[in-house]
Protein backbone atom coordinates (compact mmCIF):
# COMPACT_ATOMS: atom_id res chain seq x y z
CA UNK A 1 21.42 -6.57 -48.20
CA UNK A 2 19.78 -9.39 -46.13
CA UNK A 3 17.21 -11.97 -47.46
CA UNK A 4 13.88 -11.01 -45.79
CA UNK A 5 10.66 -12.79 -45.58
CA UNK A 6 8.03 -12.52 -48.24
CA UNK A 7 5.18 -11.08 -46.87
CA UNK A 8 2.30 -8.98 -48.48
CA UNK A 9 1.31 -7.69 -45.04
CA UNK A 10 1.45 -3.85 -45.07
CA UNK A 11 0.01 -3.61 -41.56
CA UNK A 12 -0.05 -5.20 -38.24
CA UNK A 13 -2.80 -8.00 -38.58
CA UNK A 14 -5.30 -8.79 -35.75
CA UNK A 15 -4.80 -11.73 -33.63
CA UNK A 16 -7.95 -13.38 -35.12
CA UNK A 17 -6.50 -12.80 -38.54
CA UNK A 18 -3.08 -14.20 -37.55
CA UNK A 19 -4.58 -17.13 -36.07
CA UNK A 20 -6.34 -18.09 -38.89
CA UNK A 21 -3.28 -17.72 -40.96
CA UNK A 22 -1.37 -19.82 -38.84
CA UNK A 23 -4.11 -22.75 -38.71
CA UNK A 24 -4.30 -22.64 -42.37
CA UNK A 25 -0.58 -23.10 -43.03
CA UNK A 26 -0.31 -25.72 -39.98
CA UNK A 27 -3.38 -27.67 -42.02
CA UNK A 28 -1.18 -27.80 -45.17
CA UNK A 29 2.47 -28.21 -43.48
CA UNK A 30 1.81 -30.11 -40.48
CA UNK A 31 -0.10 -33.21 -39.29
CA UNK A 32 -2.69 -33.01 -36.55
CA UNK A 33 -1.67 -34.42 -32.82
CA UNK A 34 -5.05 -36.43 -33.15
CA UNK A 35 -3.49 -38.55 -35.71
CA UNK A 36 -0.79 -40.98 -35.22
CA UNK A 37 2.77 -40.41 -34.11
CA UNK A 38 4.98 -39.61 -36.86
CA UNK A 39 8.35 -41.24 -36.72
CA UNK A 40 10.98 -39.27 -38.54
CA UNK A 41 14.67 -40.79 -38.94
CA UNK A 42 17.34 -38.07 -37.87
CA UNK A 43 18.07 -37.41 -41.79
CA UNK A 44 14.45 -37.23 -42.34
CA UNK A 45 13.98 -34.63 -39.09
CA UNK A 46 16.60 -32.40 -40.14
CA UNK A 47 15.46 -32.14 -43.96
CA UNK A 48 12.02 -31.77 -43.10
CA UNK A 49 12.98 -28.83 -40.44
CA UNK A 50 14.88 -27.11 -43.16
CA UNK A 51 11.96 -27.35 -45.23
CA UNK A 52 9.10 -26.22 -42.65
CA UNK A 53 10.77 -23.31 -41.65
CA UNK A 54 11.67 -22.16 -45.22
CA UNK A 55 8.04 -22.54 -46.08
CA UNK A 56 6.95 -20.74 -42.80
CA UNK A 57 9.29 -17.52 -43.89
CA UNK A 58 7.62 -17.76 -47.42
CA UNK A 59 4.19 -17.94 -45.85
CA UNK A 60 5.32 -14.58 -43.62
CA UNK A 61 5.16 -16.42 -40.39
CA UNK A 62 9.19 -16.80 -40.08
CA UNK A 63 10.80 -14.94 -37.02
CA UNK A 64 7.73 -13.52 -35.60
CA UNK A 65 9.01 -11.09 -33.23
CA UNK A 66 12.22 -10.27 -35.30
CA UNK A 67 12.73 -7.25 -37.51
CA UNK A 68 11.59 -7.39 -40.66
CA UNK A 69 15.18 -6.36 -42.49
CA UNK A 70 16.37 -9.59 -40.83
CA UNK A 71 13.92 -11.98 -41.86
CA UNK A 72 11.24 -11.54 -39.27
CA UNK A 73 7.72 -10.29 -39.17
CA UNK A 74 8.37 -7.22 -36.51
CA UNK A 75 5.32 -8.62 -34.24
CA UNK A 76 5.15 -8.61 -30.66
CA UNK A 77 5.25 -11.68 -27.91
CA UNK A 78 1.38 -12.09 -28.30
CA UNK A 79 1.52 -13.35 -31.84
CA UNK A 80 4.30 -15.66 -31.13
CA UNK A 81 2.34 -16.99 -28.02
CA UNK A 82 -0.65 -17.54 -30.56
CA UNK A 83 1.57 -19.31 -32.81
CA UNK A 84 2.88 -21.57 -30.18
CA UNK A 85 -0.78 -22.64 -29.29
CA UNK A 86 -1.87 -23.54 -32.51
CA UNK A 87 1.57 -25.53 -33.22
CA UNK A 88 0.54 -27.31 -29.89
CA UNK A 89 -2.08 -29.14 -31.98
CA UNK A 90 0.15 -30.54 -34.45
CA UNK A 91 3.25 -32.42 -35.26
CA UNK A 92 6.23 -31.21 -37.39
CA UNK A 93 9.82 -31.98 -37.53
CA UNK A 94 11.11 -28.76 -35.39
CA UNK A 95 13.57 -30.42 -33.02
CA UNK A 96 16.46 -29.41 -34.95
CA UNK A 97 15.37 -25.53 -34.83
CA UNK A 98 15.11 -25.60 -30.78
CA UNK A 99 18.49 -24.31 -29.80
CA UNK A 100 19.08 -22.81 -33.28
CA UNK A 101 15.90 -20.56 -32.70
CA UNK A 102 15.39 -20.33 -28.86
CA UNK A 103 18.92 -19.76 -27.80
CA UNK A 104 21.38 -18.81 -30.90
CA UNK A 105 18.84 -16.65 -32.79
CA UNK A 106 18.00 -14.13 -29.65
CA UNK A 107 21.76 -14.08 -28.84
CA UNK A 108 22.83 -12.61 -32.68
CA UNK A 109 19.74 -10.19 -32.61
CA UNK A 110 20.56 -8.63 -29.30
CA UNK A 111 24.34 -8.83 -29.37
CA UNK A 112 25.40 -9.32 -32.58
CA UNK A 113 26.90 -6.50 -35.02
CA UNK A 114 25.10 -5.28 -37.70
CA UNK A 115 26.91 -7.37 -40.27
CA UNK A 116 26.39 -10.34 -38.44
CA UNK A 117 22.59 -9.96 -38.18
CA UNK A 118 22.60 -9.29 -41.95
CA UNK A 119 24.97 -12.39 -42.47
CA UNK A 120 23.34 -14.78 -40.38
CA UNK A 121 19.88 -13.91 -39.05
CA UNK A 122 17.74 -14.30 -41.99
CA UNK A 123 19.10 -17.61 -42.82
CA UNK A 124 19.04 -18.85 -39.18
CA UNK A 125 14.96 -18.04 -39.34
CA UNK A 126 14.64 -20.22 -42.54
CA UNK A 127 16.86 -22.66 -41.21
CA UNK A 128 19.24 -22.29 -44.05
CA UNK A 129 21.88 -22.66 -41.25
CA UNK A 130 21.43 -24.67 -38.09
CA UNK A 131 22.90 -23.62 -34.94
CA UNK A 132 24.35 -25.17 -31.57
CA UNK A 133 25.84 -23.63 -28.38
CA UNK A 134 29.00 -24.72 -27.16
CA UNK A 135 29.16 -24.40 -23.41
CA UNK A 136 29.59 -27.46 -21.09
CA UNK A 137 33.42 -28.98 -20.94
CA UNK A 138 34.60 -32.22 -19.23
CA UNK A 139 35.61 -29.83 -16.10
CA UNK A 140 33.13 -27.11 -16.45
CA UNK A 141 29.59 -28.61 -16.57
CA UNK A 142 27.22 -27.04 -14.11
CA UNK A 143 30.01 -24.36 -13.25
CA UNK A 144 30.19 -23.16 -16.96
CA UNK A 145 32.33 -19.97 -15.83
CA UNK A 146 35.35 -22.59 -14.86
CA UNK A 147 35.88 -23.54 -18.56
CA UNK A 148 39.43 -23.82 -20.10
CA UNK A 149 38.97 -23.73 -23.71
CA UNK A 150 41.29 -20.85 -24.89
CA UNK A 151 41.17 -18.43 -27.37
CA UNK A 152 44.38 -16.57 -28.27
CA UNK A 153 44.53 -13.39 -30.61
CA UNK A 154 47.07 -14.01 -33.63
CA UNK A 155 47.05 -10.70 -35.64
CA UNK A 156 43.59 -10.14 -36.90
CA UNK A 157 42.63 -13.71 -36.25
CA UNK A 158 41.71 -15.86 -32.97
CA UNK A 159 43.06 -19.36 -32.50
CA UNK A 160 41.23 -21.57 -30.70
CA UNK A 161 41.92 -24.82 -28.47
CA UNK A 162 39.69 -26.96 -26.14
CA UNK A 163 36.90 -29.40 -25.81
CA UNK A 164 33.32 -29.03 -25.64
CA UNK A 165 30.93 -31.56 -24.80
CA UNK A 166 27.05 -32.35 -24.34
CA UNK A 167 26.62 -30.36 -27.39
CA UNK A 168 23.02 -30.84 -28.64
CA UNK A 169 22.36 -31.34 -32.22
CA UNK A 170 26.08 -30.35 -33.24
CA UNK A 171 26.16 -33.40 -35.84
CA UNK A 172 23.57 -31.64 -38.23
CA UNK A 173 24.46 -28.11 -37.12
CA UNK A 174 26.48 -25.66 -39.63
CA UNK A 175 27.30 -22.95 -36.95
CA UNK A 176 28.04 -22.82 -33.38
CA UNK A 177 28.34 -20.11 -30.56
CA UNK A 178 31.50 -21.04 -28.60
CA UNK A 179 32.36 -19.42 -25.28
CA UNK A 180 35.97 -19.30 -24.67
CA UNK A 181 38.65 -17.72 -22.53
CA UNK A 182 40.68 -14.99 -23.89
CA UNK A 183 42.22 -13.66 -20.75
CA UNK A 184 43.31 -16.19 -18.27
CA UNK A 185 44.68 -13.50 -15.62
CA UNK A 186 41.07 -12.36 -14.95
CA UNK A 187 38.79 -14.18 -12.35
CA UNK A 188 36.73 -16.96 -13.94
CA UNK A 189 33.69 -15.04 -14.71
CA UNK A 190 35.85 -12.28 -16.69
CA UNK A 191 38.29 -12.73 -19.34
CA UNK A 192 35.43 -14.78 -21.61
CA UNK A 193 34.43 -14.22 -24.82
CA UNK A 194 31.61 -15.71 -27.11
CA UNK A 195 32.54 -16.59 -30.78
CA UNK A 196 30.83 -18.01 -33.94
CA UNK A 197 32.44 -21.04 -35.12
CA UNK A 198 31.84 -22.44 -38.65
CA UNK A 199 31.83 -26.01 -37.81
CA UNK A 200 32.97 -27.00 -41.45
CA UNK A 201 36.32 -25.33 -40.29
CA UNK A 202 39.52 -27.41 -40.39
CA UNK A 203 40.17 -28.53 -36.56
CA UNK A 204 36.88 -28.70 -35.61
CA UNK A 205 36.17 -32.44 -34.64
CA UNK A 206 32.42 -33.47 -33.98
CA UNK A 207 32.08 -36.89 -32.16
CA UNK A 208 28.53 -38.33 -31.11
CA UNK A 209 27.75 -39.48 -27.32
CA UNK A 210 25.77 -42.73 -27.31
CA UNK A 211 23.13 -42.27 -24.67
CA UNK A 212 21.15 -44.79 -22.51
CA UNK A 213 17.96 -44.31 -24.60
CA UNK A 214 20.19 -45.82 -27.53
CA UNK A 215 19.99 -42.42 -29.36
CA UNK A 216 23.22 -39.90 -29.78
CA UNK A 217 21.58 -36.40 -29.73
CA UNK A 218 24.62 -34.96 -27.91
CA UNK A 219 28.22 -34.62 -29.07
CA UNK A 220 31.87 -34.02 -27.67
CA UNK A 221 33.81 -31.32 -30.05
CA UNK A 222 37.24 -31.01 -30.22
CA UNK A 223 38.80 -27.78 -31.22
CA UNK A 224 42.33 -27.90 -32.67
CA UNK A 225 44.24 -24.80 -33.80
CA UNK A 226 40.96 -23.42 -35.05
CA UNK A 227 41.25 -19.99 -36.87
CA UNK A 228 38.48 -17.65 -36.47
CA UNK A 229 38.37 -14.04 -38.21
CA UNK A 230 38.01 -11.15 -35.88
CA UNK A 231 34.28 -10.56 -36.94
CA UNK A 232 33.58 -14.11 -35.18
CA UNK A 233 33.77 -12.20 -32.14
CA UNK A 234 29.85 -11.88 -30.84
CA UNK A 235 29.80 -8.60 -28.08
CA UNK A 236 32.68 -7.29 -26.65
CA UNK A 237 36.17 -8.89 -26.17
CA UNK A 238 35.88 -10.23 -22.46
CA UNK A 239 31.96 -9.80 -22.07
CA UNK A 240 31.32 -12.95 -22.86
CA UNK A 241 29.91 -13.88 -19.51
CA UNK A 242 26.93 -11.40 -20.13
CA UNK A 243 26.29 -13.11 -23.23
CA UNK A 244 26.34 -16.66 -21.51
CA UNK A 245 24.02 -15.62 -19.11
CA UNK A 246 21.52 -13.73 -21.49
CA UNK A 247 21.72 -17.18 -23.47
CA UNK A 248 20.92 -19.05 -20.46
CA UNK A 249 18.31 -16.94 -19.78
CA UNK A 250 16.70 -17.30 -23.22
CA UNK A 251 17.42 -21.23 -22.82
CA UNK A 252 15.60 -21.48 -19.63
CA UNK A 253 12.70 -19.32 -20.57
CA UNK A 254 12.03 -21.52 -24.02
CA UNK A 255 12.28 -24.50 -22.28
CA UNK A 256 10.26 -23.86 -19.08
CA UNK A 257 7.98 -20.76 -19.83
CA UNK A 258 7.65 -20.33 -23.84
CA UNK A 259 4.64 -22.43 -24.43
CA UNK A 260 6.54 -23.96 -27.48
CA UNK A 261 5.66 -27.53 -27.44
CA UNK A 262 8.80 -28.44 -28.84
CA UNK A 263 10.77 -27.59 -25.83
CA UNK A 264 9.70 -30.16 -23.67
CA UNK A 265 9.91 -33.62 -23.51
CA UNK A 266 6.94 -34.11 -21.52
CA UNK A 267 3.28 -35.09 -22.79
CA UNK A 268 0.90 -32.51 -22.00
CA UNK A 269 -2.03 -33.38 -19.45
CA UNK A 270 -4.60 -33.36 -22.29
CA UNK A 271 -2.53 -36.14 -24.30
CA UNK A 272 -2.12 -38.12 -20.97
CA UNK A 273 -5.84 -37.94 -20.16
CA UNK A 274 -6.63 -39.25 -23.77
CA UNK A 275 -4.26 -42.09 -23.43
CA UNK A 276 -6.10 -42.89 -19.90
CA UNK A 277 -9.23 -42.99 -21.71
CA UNK A 278 -8.24 -44.88 -24.41
CA UNK A 279 -7.01 -47.47 -22.32
CA UNK A 280 -10.24 -47.47 -20.23
CA UNK A 281 -8.34 -46.51 -16.86
CA UNK A 282 -9.48 -42.66 -16.69
CA UNK A 283 -11.93 -43.99 -13.82
CA UNK A 284 -8.82 -45.88 -11.72
CA UNK A 285 -8.82 -43.35 -8.89
CA UNK A 286 -4.90 -43.58 -8.55
CA UNK A 287 -4.71 -42.72 -12.23
CA UNK A 288 -7.41 -39.75 -11.84
CA UNK A 289 -5.42 -38.41 -8.79
CA UNK A 290 -2.21 -38.37 -10.59
CA UNK A 291 -3.45 -36.60 -13.67
CA UNK A 292 -5.20 -34.14 -11.49
CA UNK A 293 -2.13 -33.16 -9.77
CA UNK A 294 -0.38 -33.33 -13.16
CA UNK A 295 -3.02 -30.90 -14.42
CA UNK A 296 -2.52 -28.37 -11.55
CA UNK A 297 1.10 -28.22 -11.82
CA UNK A 298 0.78 -27.57 -15.50
CA UNK A 299 -1.48 -24.56 -15.03
CA UNK A 300 0.99 -23.49 -12.72
CA UNK A 301 3.74 -23.64 -15.16
CA UNK A 302 1.70 -21.81 -17.51
CA UNK A 303 1.17 -18.66 -15.23
CA UNK A 304 4.68 -18.75 -14.68
CA UNK A 305 5.58 -18.63 -18.32
CA UNK A 306 2.93 -15.86 -18.51
CA UNK A 307 4.87 -13.62 -15.91
CA UNK A 308 8.21 -13.97 -17.98
CA UNK A 309 6.39 -13.06 -21.18
CA UNK A 310 4.74 -10.21 -19.34
CA UNK A 311 8.05 -8.96 -17.91
CA UNK A 312 9.75 -9.03 -21.24
CA UNK A 313 6.92 -7.28 -22.92
CA UNK A 314 7.43 -4.43 -20.15
CA UNK A 315 11.08 -4.60 -21.16
CA UNK A 316 12.42 -6.23 -18.23
CA UNK A 317 14.89 -8.84 -18.05
CA UNK A 318 13.03 -11.99 -16.40
CA UNK A 319 14.74 -12.97 -13.05
CA UNK A 320 14.95 -16.04 -11.29
CA UNK A 321 11.24 -17.23 -12.33
CA UNK A 322 12.95 -18.36 -15.33
CA UNK A 323 15.00 -20.84 -13.13
CA UNK A 324 11.57 -21.63 -11.38
CA UNK A 325 10.00 -22.47 -14.66
CA UNK A 326 13.18 -24.39 -15.77
CA UNK A 327 13.03 -26.34 -12.93
CA UNK A 328 9.20 -26.84 -12.77
CA UNK A 329 9.68 -28.33 -16.60
CA UNK A 330 12.41 -30.97 -15.38
CA UNK A 331 9.98 -32.34 -12.62
CA UNK A 332 7.05 -32.25 -14.86
CA UNK A 333 8.87 -34.27 -17.63
CA UNK A 334 9.88 -36.88 -15.10
CA UNK A 335 6.17 -36.86 -13.62
CA UNK A 336 4.61 -37.21 -17.13
CA UNK A 337 6.95 -40.12 -18.26
CA UNK A 338 5.89 -42.01 -15.03
CA UNK A 339 2.39 -41.33 -15.78
CA UNK A 340 2.23 -42.54 -19.16
CA UNK A 341 4.00 -45.79 -18.69
CA UNK A 342 1.64 -46.36 -15.47
CA UNK A 343 -1.19 -45.81 -17.97
CA UNK A 344 0.23 -47.92 -20.61
CA UNK A 345 1.00 -51.12 -18.34
CA UNK A 346 2.80 -53.92 -19.41
CA UNK A 347 2.86 -52.67 -23.05
CA UNK A 348 5.18 -49.80 -21.98
CA UNK A 349 7.66 -52.54 -20.73
CA UNK A 350 7.17 -55.21 -23.69
CA UNK A 351 6.43 -54.88 -27.08
CA UNK A 352 6.60 -56.79 -30.11
CA UNK A 353 9.75 -56.50 -32.32
CA UNK A 354 8.09 -55.34 -35.27
CA UNK A 355 6.58 -52.41 -33.36
CA UNK A 356 8.94 -49.07 -34.36
CA UNK A 357 7.07 -47.37 -31.73
CA UNK A 358 7.00 -50.09 -29.09
CA UNK A 359 9.71 -48.70 -26.72
CA UNK A 360 8.71 -45.12 -26.83
CA UNK A 361 7.25 -45.01 -22.91
CA UNK A 362 10.55 -46.96 -21.76
CA UNK A 363 12.72 -44.45 -23.60
CA UNK A 364 10.61 -41.77 -22.30
CA UNK A 365 11.13 -43.10 -18.64
CA UNK A 366 15.03 -43.70 -18.97
CA UNK A 367 15.55 -40.04 -20.82
CA UNK A 368 13.02 -38.02 -18.74
CA UNK A 369 15.93 -37.15 -16.26
CA UNK A 370 17.91 -35.74 -18.54
CA UNK A 371 15.87 -32.66 -18.74
CA UNK A 372 16.94 -32.21 -15.25
CA UNK A 373 20.57 -31.55 -16.68
CA UNK A 374 19.86 -29.50 -20.25
CA UNK A 375 19.63 -26.03 -19.64
CA UNK A 376 21.21 -25.99 -16.21
CA UNK A 377 20.63 -28.48 -13.63
CA UNK A 378 18.14 -29.02 -11.08
CA UNK A 379 20.71 -28.06 -8.67
CA UNK A 380 21.75 -25.13 -10.12
CA UNK A 381 17.95 -23.76 -10.62
CA UNK A 382 17.63 -24.27 -6.78
CA UNK A 383 20.79 -22.50 -6.02
CA UNK A 384 19.22 -19.41 -8.24
CA UNK A 385 15.94 -19.59 -6.34
CA UNK A 386 17.63 -19.81 -3.15
CA UNK A 387 20.08 -17.15 -3.57
CA UNK A 388 17.69 -14.70 -5.25
CA UNK A 389 14.17 -15.57 -4.27
CA UNK A 390 14.66 -16.67 -0.69
CA UNK A 391 17.87 -15.05 0.30
CA UNK A 392 20.09 -17.77 1.40
CA UNK A 393 23.71 -17.01 1.71
CA UNK A 394 25.76 -18.46 -1.25
CA UNK A 395 27.92 -21.13 -0.75
CA UNK A 396 31.81 -20.22 0.47
CA UNK A 397 34.44 -19.90 -2.55
CA UNK A 398 37.82 -19.56 -1.51
CA UNK A 399 38.85 -18.90 -4.69
CA UNK A 400 36.24 -16.01 -5.51
CA UNK A 401 38.25 -12.83 -7.43
CA UNK A 402 41.24 -14.78 -7.80
CA UNK A 403 42.65 -14.99 -11.41
CA UNK A 404 41.56 -18.41 -13.19
CA UNK A 405 45.08 -19.07 -14.09
CA UNK A 406 45.95 -19.45 -10.45
CA UNK A 407 42.83 -21.58 -9.30
CA UNK A 408 43.45 -25.31 -9.03
CA UNK A 409 42.03 -27.70 -11.44
CA UNK A 410 41.74 -31.54 -11.81
């Protein structure tokens, strides 16, 4: 049997009672945003994240929308929204759980077997295990379906060989969801399958990639004769692209529309306004105009997110609005970084050597464009919007429908 969250709840709580419970928990386990920013090392962040979500589950607040038998609370999205509204007022070491909870957990819940859900889901919710997604490759970035990582059946096992890149958080994760090609005779969107990979297995080599911000949050992963049992397959063999599409939808929803403060690198309008007031430039007409424009665009983003959540509550799969939300988040991230460093003035570009947070503004500006790559590039989102909203024709593809193995590759 799976381990489930400890909760004394025997009936669905009211939203008001739930909000009070969340506030009480965060008052004890997190730091208000009104206090100075907390700086965590990566090791502290990972340990703190595991501890935070373990305590969250013990308090009956873990996996809010997931089934009780798999470690959740079986509540609807309104409770998830309330939790995020309260969480936005606090600082907590949550980053390691972003992909694990936002992308991998719903895939296991919706595509995994009963045995996979029993084995992995409660542990994921508690952050006993952290997960990453393994999609992009050196020759398959925006066009994920052209990937070359192979999975070959060998009796009751699969043998994987290939390389993944830009894998966020793999350096501290326990498992990964990896898309691989199982039938190269099919066109590129077919013949793909999704696998659960234990990152401690022989043949898995995780190597960090240094970014221009100085950090190393991304990785390349080499897979050399990695052997997986047949029960590591998620969904049906050859149905991996449908799992990928769902996973990307979860990712774009979380990044662009969930209201989850952890999912965005940008500062909120409230934080920017507070910074302007603290520095005495809130009456500067240029600053005020920038803040007003950002506030309006932020509210539009809230409405897009509301539409996506209402669609999901009605049992519908969000369509291109997820791409609209994700694109808007990428643009807002750059805009907020530009406003923040403009408010900071010279201090944003020069600081004392003993000021650990002195380079935050500069790092934000340098790192902000990365949001236009993560979760699908801005160009990919614009293509989706152009084709599925505006009805524009797709770009010509002379190899459409051809077997993957017959398509030229560099």
